[in-house]
Amino acid sequence: MYGVFVLVGILLWSSISKTFFLPSLWTLEMAQFSMVAYYILGGPYSIQLGSNVRMDLLYASWSHRTKMWVDSITILFLIFYLGVLLYGGIDSTTYSLMYGERSPTAWRPYIWPIKVIMCFGLVLMIMQCISELFKDIIRLRGDKLDHEDPHESSLGWEEA
């Protein structure tokens, strides 16, 4: 959550330096890097909180058990997708580290730090997805998680 303040600070400095001083070379790319870090590290947190977006067109009319089945199946697809992204990310990160890849801009920062952050965020997201898959399986078996109210479903809707 505090990554937004870092991004605002960088963009504020960019505006001030362009207005009153010589423009800084690093502000645009640093803002992009901080935004990437903010979003990629915020993904696992949003999955943990259950604040990710769902298409409610059909989902809202399904029974609670059907929703759990669909959530379990879609989380498997998400784990596969994130695994493919992580595989490519690790390959790209090793290339960047081996050859000292730099950005083609005037500032020329190394690219590997943001690639490492992206791989770390993908690992965290895969771990959170595996956790959600286990929670869905536990709920499908009819068991309740320790932190859940026995009268409410996992998604916050009261069961009939």
C-alpha atoms as a PDB file:
ATOM      1  CA  MET A   1       0.000   0.000   0.000  1.00  0.00           C
ATOM      2  CA  TYR A   2       2.846   2.371   0.775  1.00  0.00           C
ATOM      3  CA  GLY A   3       4.277   1.897  -2.720  1.00  0.00           C
ATOM      4  CA  VAL A   4       1.809   4.509  -3.931  1.00  0.00           C
ATOM      5  CA  PHE A   5       3.540   7.086  -1.744  1.00  0.00           C
ATOM      6  CA  VAL A   6       6.906   6.173  -3.274  1.00  0.00           C
ATOM      7  CA  LEU A   7       5.423   6.586  -6.741  1.00  0.00           C
ATOM      8  CA  VAL A   8       3.830   9.929  -5.815  1.00  0.00           C
ATOM      9  CA  GLY A   9       7.134  11.126  -4.354  1.00  0.00           C
ATOM     10  CA  ILE A  10       9.041  10.236  -7.500  1.00  0.00           C
ATOM     11  CA  LEU A  11       6.492  11.918  -9.757  1.00  0.00           C
ATOM     12  CA  LEU A  12       6.366  14.965  -7.494  1.00  0.00           C
ATOM     13  CA  TRP A  13      10.145  15.283  -7.645  1.00  0.00           C
ATOM     14  CA  SER A  14       9.943  14.893 -11.423  1.00  0.00           C
ATOM     15  CA  SER A  15       7.503  17.797 -11.657  1.00  0.00           C
ATOM     16  CA  ILE A  16       9.511  20.004  -9.295  1.00  0.00           C
ATOM     17  CA  SER A  17      12.826  19.297 -11.005  1.00  0.00           C
ATOM     18  CA  LYS A  18      11.383  20.008 -14.463  1.00  0.00           C
ATOM     19  CA  THR A  19       9.865  23.278 -13.247  1.00  0.00           C
ATOM     20  CA  PHE A  20      12.620  24.746 -11.079  1.00  0.00           C
ATOM     21  CA  PHE A  21      15.820  22.805 -11.811  1.00  0.00           C
ATOM     22  CA  LEU A  22      17.301  20.685 -14.536  1.00  0.00           C
ATOM     23  CA  PRO A  23      15.063  17.715 -15.339  1.00  0.00           C
ATOM     24  CA  SER A  24      16.167  14.450 -13.764  1.00  0.00           C
ATOM     25  CA  LEU A  25      16.939  11.559 -16.094  1.00  0.00           C
ATOM     26  CA  TRP A  26      15.940   8.873 -13.639  1.00  0.00           C
ATOM     27  CA  THR A  27      12.404   9.885 -12.662  1.00  0.00           C
ATOM     28  CA  LEU A  28      10.387   8.337 -15.500  1.00  0.00           C
ATOM     29  CA  GLU A  29      12.009   4.918 -15.331  1.00  0.00           C
ATOM     30  CA  MET A  30      12.102   4.898 -11.545  1.00  0.00           C
ATOM     31  CA  ALA A  31       8.367   5.675 -11.525  1.00  0.00           C
ATOM     32  CA  GLN A  32       7.786   2.790 -13.935  1.00  0.00           C
ATOM     33  CA  PHE A  33       9.903   0.429 -11.828  1.00  0.00           C
ATOM     34  CA  SER A  34       8.138   1.409  -8.615  1.00  0.00           C
ATOM     35  CA  MET A  35       4.735   0.999 -10.269  1.00  0.00           C
ATOM     36  CA  VAL A  36       5.673  -2.485 -11.511  1.00  0.00           C
ATOM     37  CA  ALA A  37       6.891  -3.439  -8.040  1.00  0.00           C
ATOM     38  CA  TYR A  38       3.740  -2.038  -6.448  1.00  0.00           C
ATOM     39  CA  TYR A  39       1.397  -3.989  -8.730  1.00  0.00           C
ATOM     40  CA  ILE A  40       3.332  -7.246  -8.833  1.00  0.00           C
ATOM     41  CA  LEU A  41       3.751  -7.346  -5.052  1.00  0.00           C
ATOM     42  CA  GLY A  42       0.162  -6.210  -4.491  1.00  0.00           C
ATOM     43  CA  GLY A  43      -1.255  -9.137  -6.468  1.00  0.00           C
ATOM     44  CA  PRO A  44      -0.726 -11.802  -3.799  1.00  0.00           C
ATOM     45  CA  TYR A  45      -2.080  -9.447  -1.158  1.00  0.00           C
ATOM     46  CA  SER A  46      -5.263  -8.786  -3.124  1.00  0.00           C
ATOM     47  CA  ILE A  47      -5.799 -12.532  -3.618  1.00  0.00           C
ATOM     48  CA  GLN A  48      -5.313 -13.067   0.114  1.00  0.00           C
ATOM     49  CA  LEU A  49      -7.914 -10.409   0.928  1.00  0.00           C
ATOM     50  CA  GLY A  50     -10.303 -11.725  -1.717  1.00  0.00           C
ATOM     51  CA  SER A  51     -10.449  -8.316  -3.364  1.00  0.00           C
ATOM     52  CA  ASN A  52      -9.723  -9.581  -6.856  1.00  0.00           C
ATOM     53  CA  VAL A  53     -12.347  -8.877  -9.501  1.00  0.00           C
ATOM     54  CA  ARG A  54     -14.793 -11.572 -10.585  1.00  0.00           C
ATOM     55  CA  MET A  55     -17.181 -11.553 -13.503  1.00  0.00           C
ATOM     56  CA  ASP A  56     -20.532 -11.586 -11.773  1.00  0.00           C
ATOM     57  CA  LEU A  57     -22.679 -12.227 -14.835  1.00  0.00           C
ATOM     58  CA  LEU A  58     -23.168 -15.938 -14.196  1.00  0.00           C
ATOM     59  CA  TYR A  59     -21.249 -16.363 -10.958  1.00  0.00           C
ATOM     60  CA  ALA A  60     -23.778 -14.566  -8.740  1.00  0.00           C
ATOM     61  CA  SER A  61     -26.640 -16.891  -9.679  1.00  0.00           C
ATOM     62  CA  TRP A  62     -24.749 -20.128  -8.974  1.00  0.00           C
ATOM     63  CA  SER A  63     -25.050 -22.130  -5.777  1.00  0.00           C
ATOM     64  CA  HIS A  64     -22.349 -21.839  -3.149  1.00  0.00           C
ATOM     65  CA  ARG A  65     -20.993 -25.306  -3.967  1.00  0.00           C
ATOM     66  CA  THR A  66     -20.823 -24.536  -7.708  1.00  0.00           C
ATOM     67  CA  LYS A  67     -18.924 -21.348  -6.932  1.00  0.00           C
ATOM     68  CA  MET A  68     -16.410 -23.327  -4.892  1.00  0.00           C
ATOM     69  CA  TRP A  69     -15.938 -25.814  -7.762  1.00  0.00           C
ATOM     70  CA  VAL A  70     -15.468 -23.033 -10.297  1.00  0.00           C
ATOM     71  CA  ASP A  71     -13.042 -21.231  -7.969  1.00  0.00           C
ATOM     72  CA  SER A  72     -11.028 -24.446  -7.563  1.00  0.00           C
ATOM     73  CA  ILE A  73     -10.816 -25.033 -11.299  1.00  0.00           C
ATOM     74  CA  THR A  74      -9.994 -21.450 -12.209  1.00  0.00           C
ATOM     75  CA  ILE A  75      -7.286 -21.255  -9.542  1.00  0.00           C
ATOM     76  CA  LEU A  76      -5.626 -24.273 -11.187  1.00  0.00           C
ATOM     77  CA  PHE A  77      -5.570 -22.398 -14.499  1.00  0.00           C
ATOM     78  CA  LEU A  78      -4.165 -19.354 -12.712  1.00  0.00           C
ATOM     79  CA  ILE A  79      -1.405 -21.433 -11.092  1.00  0.00           C
ATOM     80  CA  PHE A  80      -0.484 -22.835 -14.519  1.00  0.00           C
ATOM     81  CA  TYR A  81      -0.470 -19.353 -16.076  1.00  0.00           C
ATOM     82  CA  LEU A  82       1.650 -17.916 -13.266  1.00  0.00           C
ATOM     83  CA  GLY A  83       4.018 -20.889 -13.553  1.00  0.00           C
ATOM     84  CA  VAL A  84       4.558 -20.146 -17.249  1.00  0.00           C
ATOM     85  CA  LEU A  85       5.142 -16.464 -16.425  1.00  0.00           C
ATOM     86  CA  LEU A  86       7.616 -17.417 -13.693  1.00  0.00           C
ATOM     87  CA  TYR A  87       9.486 -19.761 -16.037  1.00  0.00           C
ATOM     88  CA  GLY A  88       9.888 -16.951 -18.576  1.00  0.00           C
ATOM     89  CA  GLY A  89      10.710 -14.460 -15.836  1.00  0.00           C
ATOM     90  CA  ILE A  90      13.490 -16.610 -14.414  1.00  0.00           C
ATOM     91  CA  ASP A  91      14.922 -17.143 -17.895  1.00  0.00           C
ATOM     92  CA  SER A  92      14.817 -13.403 -18.586  1.00  0.00           C
ATOM     93  CA  THR A  93      16.316 -12.580 -15.182  1.00  0.00           C
ATOM     94  CA  THR A  94      19.249 -14.968 -15.637  1.00  0.00           C
ATOM     95  CA  TYR A  95      19.923 -13.473 -19.070  1.00  0.00           C
ATOM     96  CA  SER A  96      19.813  -9.991 -17.566  1.00  0.00           C
ATOM     97  CA  LEU A  97      22.226 -10.966 -14.794  1.00  0.00           C
ATOM     98  CA  MET A  98      24.642 -12.818 -17.083  1.00  0.00           C
ATOM     99  CA  TYR A  99      24.958 -10.044 -19.635  1.00  0.00           C
ATOM    100  CA  GLY A 100      24.461  -6.989 -17.429  1.00  0.00           C
ATOM    101  CA  GLU A 101      21.377  -5.884 -19.345  1.00  0.00           C
ATOM    102  CA  ARG A 102      20.680  -2.173 -19.131  1.00  0.00           C
ATOM    103  CA  SER A 103      17.826   0.021 -20.222  1.00  0.00           C
ATOM    104  CA  PRO A 104      18.399   1.727 -23.596  1.00  0.00           C
ATOM    105  CA  THR A 105      17.617   5.175 -22.183  1.00  0.00           C
ATOM    106  CA  ALA A 106      19.974   7.996 -21.199  1.00  0.00           C
ATOM    107  CA  TRP A 107      19.960   6.927 -17.529  1.00  0.00           C
ATOM    108  CA  ARG A 108      20.831   3.289 -18.419  1.00  0.00           C
ATOM    109  CA  PRO A 109      19.847   1.517 -15.175  1.00  0.00           C
ATOM    110  CA  TYR A 110      20.375  -2.195 -14.757  1.00  0.00           C
ATOM    111  CA  ILE A 111      17.218  -4.155 -15.516  1.00  0.00           C
ATOM    112  CA  TRP A 112      17.826  -7.177 -13.285  1.00  0.00           C
ATOM    113  CA  PRO A 113      16.563  -5.637  -9.990  1.00  0.00           C
ATOM    114  CA  ILE A 114      13.035  -5.148 -11.312  1.00  0.00           C
ATOM    115  CA  LYS A 115      13.104  -8.583 -12.928  1.00  0.00           C
ATOM    116  CA  VAL A 116      14.074 -10.140  -9.592  1.00  0.00           C
ATOM    117  CA  ILE A 117      11.188  -8.286  -7.922  1.00  0.00           C
ATOM    118  CA  MET A 118       8.814  -9.555 -10.617  1.00  0.00           C
ATOM    119  CA  CYS A 119       9.959 -13.164 -10.104  1.00  0.00           C
ATOM    120  CA  PHE A 120       9.618 -12.783  -6.329  1.00  0.00           C
ATOM    121  CA  GLY A 121       6.103 -11.385  -6.745  1.00  0.00           C
ATOM    122  CA  LEU A 122       5.149 -14.274  -9.045  1.00  0.00           C
ATOM    123  CA  VAL A 123       6.434 -16.790  -6.486  1.00  0.00           C
ATOM    124  CA  LEU A 124       4.371 -15.086  -3.780  1.00  0.00           C
ATOM    125  CA  MET A 125       1.318 -15.097  -6.030  1.00  0.00           C
ATOM    126  CA  ILE A 126       1.728 -18.821  -6.807  1.00  0.00           C
ATOM    127  CA  MET A 127       2.063 -19.565  -3.097  1.00  0.00           C
ATOM    128  CA  GLN A 128      -1.084 -17.557  -2.321  1.00  0.00           C
ATOM    129  CA  CYS A 129      -2.967 -19.330  -5.129  1.00  0.00           C
ATOM    130  CA  ILE A 130      -1.928 -22.716  -3.746  1.00  0.00           C
ATOM    131  CA  SER A 131      -3.194 -21.581  -0.342  1.00  0.00           C
ATOM    132  CA  GLU A 132      -6.516 -20.539  -1.884  1.00  0.00           C
ATOM    133  CA  LEU A 133      -6.753 -23.887  -3.696  1.00  0.00           C
ATOM    134  CA  PHE A 134      -6.292 -25.760  -0.412  1.00  0.00           C
ATOM    135  CA  LYS A 135      -8.917 -23.553   1.235  1.00  0.00           C
ATOM    136  CA  ASP A 136     -11.349 -24.295  -1.614  1.00  0.00           C
ATOM    137  CA  ILE A 137     -10.708 -28.039  -1.293  1.00  0.00           C
ATOM    138  CA  ILE A 138     -11.294 -27.882   2.466  1.00  0.00           C
ATOM    139  CA  ARG A 139     -14.563 -26.026   1.917  1.00  0.00           C
ATOM    140  CA  LEU A 140     -15.668 -28.487  -0.783  1.00  0.00           C
ATOM    141  CA  ARG A 141     -15.167 -31.302   1.704  1.00  0.00           C
ATOM    142  CA  GLY A 142     -17.612 -29.516   3.995  1.00  0.00           C
ATOM    143  CA  ASP A 143     -15.087 -28.427   6.618  1.00  0.00           C
ATOM    144  CA  LYS A 144     -14.794 -24.900   7.947  1.00  0.00           C
ATOM    145  CA  LEU A 145     -11.566 -22.986   8.263  1.00  0.00           C
ATOM    146  CA  ASP A 146     -10.562 -21.859  11.751  1.00  0.00           C
ATOM    147  CA  HIS A 147     -11.111 -18.152  11.104  1.00  0.00           C
ATOM    148  CA  GLU A 148     -14.502 -18.508   9.396  1.00  0.00           C
ATOM    149  CA  ASP A 149     -17.869 -17.886  10.978  1.00  0.00           C
ATOM    150  CA  PRO A 150     -19.791 -21.196  10.835  1.00  0.00           C
ATOM    151  CA  HIS A 151     -22.930 -19.396   9.575  1.00  0.00           C
ATOM    152  CA  GLU A 152     -21.236 -17.643   6.654  1.00  0.00           C
ATOM    153  CA  SER A 153     -19.690 -18.976   3.502  1.00  0.00           C
ATOM    154  CA  SER A 154     -16.085 -18.340   2.535  1.00  0.00           C
ATOM    155  CA  LEU A 155     -17.103 -15.554   0.189  1.00  0.00           C
ATOM    156  CA  GLY A 156     -19.092 -13.636   2.788  1.00  0.00           C
ATOM    157  CA  TRP A 157     -22.580 -14.718   1.683  1.00  0.00           C
ATOM    158  CA  GLU A 158     -24.823 -16.330   4.224  1.00  0.00           C
ATOM    159  CA  GLU A 159     -25.642 -19.892   3.427  1.00  0.00           C
ATOM    160  CA  ALA A 160     -29.259 -20.881   3.015  1.00  0.00           C
END
